[in-house]
Protein backbone atom coordinates (compact mmCIF):
# COMPACT_ATOMS: atom_id res chain seq x y z
CA GLN A 1 4.94 5.60 -10.38
CA VAL A 2 1.87 3.58 -9.51
CA GLN A 3 -1.35 5.50 -9.22
CA LEU A 4 -4.91 4.49 -8.43
CA VAL A 5 -7.42 7.20 -9.23
CA GLU A 6 -11.03 6.89 -8.11
CA SER A 7 -13.92 8.76 -9.66
CA GLY A 8 -17.68 8.68 -9.73
CA GLY A 9 -18.54 9.76 -6.22
CA GLY A 10 -21.13 12.37 -5.45
CA LEU A 11 -24.22 13.40 -3.54
CA VAL A 12 -27.34 11.33 -4.16
CA GLN A 13 -30.62 10.57 -2.46
CA ALA A 14 -31.36 7.32 -0.74
CA GLY A 15 -32.32 4.63 -3.23
CA ALA A 16 -30.19 6.05 -6.01
CA SER A 17 -27.24 4.43 -7.76
CA LEU A 18 -23.64 5.39 -8.38
CA ARG A 19 -20.79 3.71 -10.19
CA LEU A 20 -17.31 4.24 -8.89
CA SER A 21 -14.29 3.72 -11.11
CA CYS A 22 -10.68 3.15 -10.18
CA ALA A 23 -8.15 3.58 -12.95
CA ALA A 24 -4.67 2.22 -12.37
CA SER A 25 -1.55 3.53 -14.03
CA GLY A 26 2.14 2.90 -13.69
CA ARG A 27 1.74 -0.86 -13.75
CA THR A 28 -0.81 -3.42 -14.74
CA PHE A 29 -2.85 -5.10 -12.01
CA SER A 30 -4.27 -7.82 -14.20
CA GLY A 31 -2.63 -10.47 -12.04
CA HIS A 32 -3.70 -8.92 -8.75
CA ALA A 33 -6.81 -8.86 -6.64
CA MET A 34 -8.39 -5.44 -6.29
CA GLY A 35 -10.50 -4.08 -3.48
CA TRP A 36 -12.78 -1.27 -2.38
CA PHE A 37 -12.81 0.07 1.15
CA ARG A 38 -14.60 2.97 2.79
CA GLN A 39 -14.06 5.19 5.77
CA VAL A 40 -16.15 7.62 7.76
CA PRO A 41 -14.33 10.29 9.79
CA GLY A 42 -13.68 9.02 13.29
CA LYS A 43 -14.25 5.40 12.33
CA GLU A 44 -11.99 2.64 11.12
CA ARG A 45 -11.66 1.88 7.46
CA GLU A 46 -13.90 -1.01 6.47
CA PHE A 47 -13.88 -3.53 3.69
CA VAL A 48 -16.57 -3.13 1.04
CA ALA A 49 -15.80 -5.44 -1.87
CA ALA A 50 -12.97 -7.23 -3.64
CA ILE A 51 -12.42 -9.14 -6.83
CA SER A 52 -9.88 -11.85 -7.44
CA TRP A 53 -7.00 -11.62 -9.87
CA SER A 54 -8.93 -13.75 -12.37
CA GLY A 55 -12.21 -11.94 -11.88
CA GLY A 56 -13.79 -15.26 -11.09
CA SER A 57 -14.37 -14.59 -7.42
CA THR A 58 -15.96 -11.60 -5.73
CA TYR A 59 -16.27 -10.78 -2.06
CA TYR A 60 -18.61 -8.39 -0.29
CA ALA A 61 -19.22 -7.00 3.14
CA ASP A 62 -22.54 -8.20 4.52
CA SER A 63 -23.78 -4.61 4.64
CA VAL A 64 -23.53 -4.20 0.85
CA LYS A 65 -24.20 -7.72 -0.38
CA GLY A 66 -26.98 -7.74 -2.95
CA ARG A 67 -26.69 -3.99 -3.57
CA PHE A 68 -23.09 -3.49 -4.71
CA THR A 69 -21.27 -5.21 -7.55
CA ILE A 70 -17.53 -5.14 -8.17
CA SER A 71 -16.13 -5.76 -11.62
CA ARG A 72 -12.97 -5.13 -13.57
CA ASP A 73 -11.87 -4.34 -17.09
CA TYR A 74 -8.43 -5.78 -17.76
CA ALA A 75 -7.95 -3.87 -20.99
CA LYS A 76 -8.53 -0.58 -19.18
CA ASN A 77 -6.69 -1.61 -16.00
CA THR A 78 -9.78 -0.40 -14.17
CA VAL A 79 -12.00 -1.73 -11.42
CA TYR A 80 -15.59 -0.62 -10.84
CA LEU A 81 -18.02 -0.59 -7.97
CA GLN A 82 -21.68 -0.41 -8.99
CA MET A 83 -23.69 0.76 -6.00
CA ASN A 84 -27.46 0.40 -6.11
CA SER A 85 -30.15 1.11 -3.55
CA LEU A 86 -27.85 3.43 -1.69
CA LYS A 87 -28.55 4.15 1.96
CA PRO A 88 -27.47 7.05 4.17
CA GLU A 89 -25.19 4.65 6.05
CA ASP A 90 -23.22 4.14 2.82
CA THR A 91 -21.95 7.70 3.15
CA ALA A 92 -18.15 7.58 3.31
CA VAL A 93 -14.97 8.17 1.41
CA TYR A 94 -14.43 5.19 -0.86
CA TYR A 95 -10.94 3.98 -1.66
CA CYS A 96 -9.73 1.42 -4.14
CA ALA A 97 -6.65 -0.58 -3.35
CA ALA A 98 -4.36 -3.20 -4.80
CA PRO A 99 -1.89 -5.58 -3.20
CA ASP A 100 1.63 -5.93 -4.48
CA GLN A 101 1.21 -9.70 -4.26
CA ARG A 102 0.08 -11.34 -7.46
CA GLY A 103 -2.26 -14.25 -7.78
CA PRO A 104 -4.93 -15.64 -5.50
CA LEU A 105 -5.44 -14.38 -1.99
CA ALA A 106 -7.22 -16.13 0.83
CA THR A 107 -10.68 -14.82 1.62
CA MET A 108 -9.56 -13.36 4.92
CA THR A 109 -6.60 -11.70 3.26
CA VAL A 110 -8.58 -10.08 0.49
CA LYS A 111 -10.80 -8.40 3.09
CA ASP A 112 -7.87 -7.12 5.16
CA GLY A 113 -6.83 -3.61 4.23
CA ARG A 114 -3.41 -4.17 5.77
CA ARG A 115 -2.62 -6.56 2.94
CA TYR A 116 -3.00 -3.86 0.31
CA ASP A 117 -0.01 -1.82 -0.76
CA TYR A 118 -1.41 0.71 -3.20
CA TRP A 119 -4.27 3.06 -2.43
CA GLY A 120 -6.13 5.75 -4.29
CA GLN A 121 -6.89 9.18 -2.92
CA GLY A 122 -10.54 8.37 -2.32
CA THR A 123 -13.85 9.65 -3.64
CA GLN A 124 -16.64 10.99 -1.45
CA VAL A 125 -20.05 9.35 -1.57
CA THR A 126 -22.83 11.12 0.29
CA VAL A 127 -26.31 9.65 0.49
CA SER A 128 -29.06 11.87 1.82
CA SER A 129 -32.22 10.54 3.41
């Protein structure tokens, strides 16, 4: 049974940092891209960041570029999202996700949540002003 388990969320003040982790179990995702998405109640889920299967390419939403960094640890089958300079508008439930497809994905595909097959349960990030 494949599981993605996020952790690291919490309540912080604006300007603070958090590091989210997503631990995968049930299969290895070393040959797969991995992504982070977020959702606010009443709004559509939005892409935040993704990392290629090789780790050599990273992708970010414009709203987080320069503040967030995605990385992965193949040995731990884990992907991370380092979030710095947090803003109140970053408040959301953050989900990690993985596609069943192995190998490289086109840039548009890696940002499309519909292309991901496995999702975690989410972790709440709340940033107060």
